[in-house]
Protein backbone atom coordinates (compact mmCIF):
# COMPACT_ATOMS: atom_id res chain seq x y z
CA MET A 1 -142.96 116.93 -78.51
CA SER A 2 -142.46 119.77 -81.00
CA THR A 3 -139.09 121.43 -81.55
CA ARG A 4 -140.36 124.59 -79.84
CA GLY A 5 -141.69 122.57 -76.91
CA ARG A 6 -138.36 120.78 -76.50
CA LEU A 7 -136.49 124.08 -76.54
CA ALA A 8 -138.82 125.55 -73.91
CA ARG A 9 -138.36 122.50 -71.70
CA ARG A 10 -134.57 122.67 -72.06
CA LEU A 11 -134.49 126.37 -71.15
CA ILE A 12 -136.65 125.76 -68.08
CA GLN A 13 -134.38 122.89 -67.05
CA LEU A 14 -131.28 125.01 -67.55
CA TYR A 15 -132.34 127.94 -65.41
CA ALA A 16 -134.13 125.84 -62.81
CA GLY A 17 -131.03 123.68 -62.50
CA LEU A 18 -128.65 126.62 -62.17
CA ALA A 19 -130.86 128.36 -59.60
CA LEU A 20 -131.23 125.13 -57.63
CA TYR A 21 -127.46 124.61 -57.80
CA GLY A 22 -126.89 127.98 -56.15
CA ALA A 23 -129.55 127.26 -53.54
CA SER A 24 -128.07 123.84 -52.74
CA SER A 25 -124.62 125.37 -52.34
CA ALA A 26 -126.11 127.85 -49.87
CA LEU A 27 -127.44 124.95 -47.79
CA LEU A 28 -123.94 123.47 -47.67
CA VAL A 29 -122.57 126.83 -46.54
CA GLU A 30 -125.18 127.05 -43.77
CA ALA A 31 -124.43 123.48 -42.63
CA HIS A 32 -120.83 124.51 -41.74
CA LEU A 33 -119.66 120.93 -42.27
CA GLY A 34 -117.56 121.36 -45.40
CA LEU A 35 -118.15 122.67 -48.91
CA GLU A 36 -117.75 121.36 -52.44
CA PRO A 37 -114.25 122.07 -53.84
CA TRP A 38 -114.85 125.31 -55.77
CA ASN A 39 -116.94 126.83 -52.99
CA VAL A 40 -114.09 126.20 -50.55
CA LEU A 41 -112.12 128.58 -52.75
CA HIS A 42 -115.03 131.00 -53.12
CA GLN A 43 -115.57 131.11 -49.37
CA GLY A 44 -111.86 131.65 -48.72
CA LEU A 45 -111.75 134.51 -51.21
CA ALA A 46 -114.91 135.97 -49.69
CA GLU A 47 -113.22 135.96 -46.27
CA LEU A 48 -110.17 137.67 -47.78
CA THR A 49 -112.00 140.34 -49.80
CA GLY A 50 -115.14 140.98 -47.77
CA LEU A 51 -117.32 140.25 -50.81
CA SER A 52 -120.24 137.84 -50.63
CA ILE A 53 -119.53 134.24 -51.60
CA GLY A 54 -122.00 134.54 -54.49
CA THR A 55 -120.23 137.62 -55.85
CA VAL A 56 -116.89 135.82 -55.60
CA SER A 57 -118.42 132.85 -57.43
CA ILE A 58 -119.44 135.16 -60.29
CA VAL A 59 -116.01 136.82 -60.47
CA VAL A 60 -114.15 133.50 -60.38
CA GLY A 61 -116.50 132.05 -63.00
CA ALA A 62 -115.83 135.01 -65.29
CA VAL A 63 -112.06 134.70 -64.83
CA VAL A 64 -112.19 130.96 -65.53
CA LEU A 65 -114.27 131.65 -68.63
CA LEU A 66 -111.51 133.97 -69.90
CA LEU A 67 -109.11 131.03 -69.59
CA TRP A 68 -111.19 129.25 -72.23
CA ILE A 69 -109.76 131.60 -74.87
CA PRO A 70 -106.22 130.13 -75.00
CA LEU A 71 -107.73 126.66 -74.59
CA ARG A 72 -109.95 127.29 -77.64
CA GLN A 73 -113.12 126.30 -75.84
CA ARG A 74 -116.46 127.60 -77.09
CA PRO A 75 -119.01 128.62 -74.44
CA GLY A 76 -122.70 127.96 -74.80
CA LEU A 77 -125.76 129.65 -73.32
CA GLY A 78 -125.50 127.39 -70.30
CA THR A 79 -121.85 128.32 -69.79
CA VAL A 80 -122.47 132.06 -69.62
CA SER A 81 -125.69 131.66 -67.63
CA ASN A 82 -123.86 129.48 -65.13
CA VAL A 83 -121.49 132.32 -64.25
CA PHE A 84 -124.26 134.65 -63.11
CA VAL A 85 -127.29 132.57 -62.08
CA VAL A 86 -125.52 130.28 -59.61
CA GLY A 87 -123.87 133.15 -57.73
CA LEU A 88 -127.08 135.18 -57.55
CA ALA A 89 -129.08 132.17 -56.33
CA LEU A 90 -126.38 131.38 -53.78
CA ASP A 91 -126.46 134.84 -52.24
CA GLY A 92 -130.25 135.03 -52.45
CA THR A 93 -130.72 131.75 -50.60
CA LEU A 94 -128.18 132.69 -47.92
CA ALA A 95 -130.16 135.88 -47.29
CA LEU A 96 -133.34 133.84 -46.73
CA VAL A 97 -132.09 130.82 -44.77
CA PRO A 98 -131.56 131.48 -41.04
CA ASP A 99 -128.25 130.58 -39.40
CA ALA A 100 -128.07 126.99 -38.17
CA HIS A 101 -126.16 126.23 -34.97
CA SER A 102 -127.38 122.78 -33.85
CA LEU A 103 -126.04 119.61 -35.44
CA ALA A 104 -129.63 118.37 -35.51
CA VAL A 105 -130.26 121.09 -38.11
CA ARG A 106 -126.88 121.25 -39.82
CA ILE A 107 -126.72 117.54 -40.70
CA PRO A 108 -130.10 117.57 -42.53
CA LEU A 109 -128.99 120.78 -44.28
CA LEU A 110 -125.86 118.99 -45.47
CA ALA A 111 -127.82 115.98 -46.74
CA ALA A 112 -130.40 118.19 -48.45
CA GLY A 113 -127.64 120.28 -50.03
CA VAL A 114 -125.93 117.24 -51.56
CA VAL A 115 -129.17 115.72 -52.89
CA LEU A 116 -130.44 119.03 -54.29
CA ASN A 117 -127.04 119.68 -55.83
CA GLY A 118 -127.26 116.34 -57.60
CA ALA A 119 -130.77 117.17 -58.83
CA ALA A 120 -129.56 120.58 -60.04
CA THR A 121 -126.63 118.99 -61.86
CA GLY A 122 -128.94 116.52 -63.59
CA LEU A 123 -131.30 119.32 -64.63
CA TYR A 124 -128.80 121.66 -66.22
CA ILE A 125 -126.60 118.99 -67.82
CA ALA A 126 -129.62 117.28 -69.36
CA ALA A 127 -130.64 120.65 -70.83
CA ASP A 128 -127.48 120.35 -72.97
CA PHE A 129 -126.64 124.05 -73.38
CA GLY A 130 -122.93 123.65 -72.69
CA PRO A 131 -120.80 122.86 -69.63
CA GLY A 132 -120.10 125.21 -66.77
CA PRO A 133 -116.96 127.36 -67.01
CA ARG A 134 -115.02 125.27 -64.51
CA ASP A 135 -115.82 122.02 -66.32
CA GLY A 136 -114.82 123.56 -69.63
CA LEU A 137 -111.49 124.50 -68.07
CA MET A 138 -110.85 120.87 -67.19
CA THR A 139 -111.93 119.47 -70.55
CA GLY A 140 -109.88 122.17 -72.29
CA LEU A 141 -106.80 121.22 -70.29
CA HIS A 142 -107.45 117.60 -71.20
CA ARG A 143 -107.52 118.42 -74.91
CA ARG A 144 -104.44 120.65 -74.79
CA THR A 145 -102.27 118.38 -72.62
CA GLY A 146 -103.49 114.95 -73.66
CA ARG A 147 -103.87 113.98 -70.00
CA SER A 148 -107.05 112.29 -68.78
CA ILE A 149 -110.06 114.36 -67.71
CA ARG A 150 -109.97 112.56 -64.36
CA LEU A 151 -106.36 113.65 -63.80
CA MET A 152 -107.10 117.24 -64.84
CA ARG A 153 -110.17 117.41 -62.59
CA THR A 154 -108.30 115.96 -59.64
CA ALA A 155 -105.33 118.28 -60.08
CA VAL A 156 -107.46 121.41 -60.46
CA GLU A 157 -109.84 120.59 -57.61
CA VAL A 158 -107.04 119.65 -55.20
CA ALA A 159 -105.35 122.97 -55.96
CA VAL A 160 -108.67 124.79 -55.50
CA VAL A 161 -109.40 123.12 -52.16
CA VAL A 162 -105.90 123.66 -50.78
CA THR A 163 -105.92 127.33 -51.80
CA GLY A 164 -109.43 127.89 -50.48
CA PHE A 165 -108.65 126.21 -47.15
CA ALA A 166 -105.51 128.32 -46.74
CA LEU A 167 -107.66 131.42 -47.23
CA GLY A 168 -110.24 130.34 -44.66
CA GLY A 169 -112.64 128.16 -46.65
CA THR A 170 -114.41 125.30 -44.89
CA ILE A 171 -113.53 121.67 -45.51
CA GLY A 172 -114.86 118.77 -43.50
CA VAL A 173 -117.09 115.73 -43.61
CA GLY A 174 -119.38 117.56 -46.02
CA THR A 175 -116.54 117.94 -48.52
CA LEU A 176 -115.88 114.20 -48.39
CA LEU A 177 -119.58 113.31 -48.55
CA TYR A 178 -120.02 115.57 -51.57
CA ALA A 179 -117.04 114.01 -53.36
CA LEU A 180 -118.37 110.48 -52.81
CA ALA A 181 -122.07 111.08 -53.41
CA ILE A 182 -122.40 113.73 -56.11
CA GLY A 183 -121.56 111.46 -59.05
CA PRO A 184 -124.14 108.73 -58.35
CA VAL A 185 -126.81 111.22 -57.23
CA ALA A 186 -126.33 113.45 -60.28
CA GLN A 187 -126.36 110.42 -62.60
CA LEU A 188 -129.68 109.32 -61.11
CA PHE A 189 -131.27 112.70 -61.73
CA LEU A 190 -129.64 113.02 -65.14
CA ARG A 191 -131.58 109.96 -66.28
CA ALA A 192 -134.77 111.31 -64.74
CA PHE A 193 -134.50 114.71 -66.42
CA ALA A 194 -133.19 113.61 -69.82
CA ALA A 195 -135.09 115.50 -72.52
CA PRO A 196 -137.06 113.38 -75.02
CA ALA A 197 -135.24 112.76 -78.27
CA ALA A 198 -136.03 114.90 -81.27
CA PRO A 199 -138.34 113.19 -83.79
CA GLU A 200 -136.55 111.41 -86.61
CA ARG A 201 -136.87 112.88 -90.09
CA GLY A 202 -136.05 110.03 -92.39
CA THR A 203 -132.42 109.69 -91.35
CA VAL A 204 -130.80 107.89 -88.49
CA VAL A 205 -128.97 110.25 -86.16
CA ALA A 206 -126.57 108.98 -83.53
CA ALA A 207 -127.90 109.85 -80.09
CA ARG A 208 -125.77 112.05 -77.85
CA SER A 209 -125.97 111.59 -74.13
CA PRO A 210 -124.91 114.39 -71.78
CA GLY A 211 -124.42 111.68 -69.18
CA ARG A 212 -121.13 110.49 -70.66
CA ALA A 213 -119.48 112.51 -67.94
CA ILE A 214 -120.89 114.24 -64.88
CA LEU A 215 -119.90 117.85 -65.42
CA ARG A 216 -120.21 119.88 -62.29
CA ARG A 217 -119.69 123.61 -62.29
């Protein structure tokens, strides 16, 4: 595949993945069985402010991106796009999907949301245009403090969930299912969507794999 063709494929993966991420988050909202950690916070802030959850997602993403400055993190195209595309897709999908009241509908919505979220994560990470703002916050904290990424992620996401729940965000079986399933599901799709390697040009270049860590939003 030519360099131009690879770039086109990566751009399509990036924006398809971000849009699908927002849509999958909307399905989790409609399931009313618990949200992923950051959307617990977004939903709680939406309840507090009267803004839509997608708008809150954009505002929070922008604020988190500002925190990259003291952490000396450098955003990429995917980082900035993440802030806007996910929130817009989230609100757009919520406007289209009818309210679900029966468990017979809400449970499939939850399962579909988790699987589609994993597919979306694989798509946009494999595009390799930079991590989402929230992931960059965690990796930046890791670099500045010397603590493990796992510890930084756990600390940040626990604080996010507790704050969001106190503000009215939804936690439940869906939150637990997401925490347990998103890593393996995203890893599966990451392998499936990995872009073909660039052609060698007489030198051996060490391959980089975006799958070294599953970077959610």
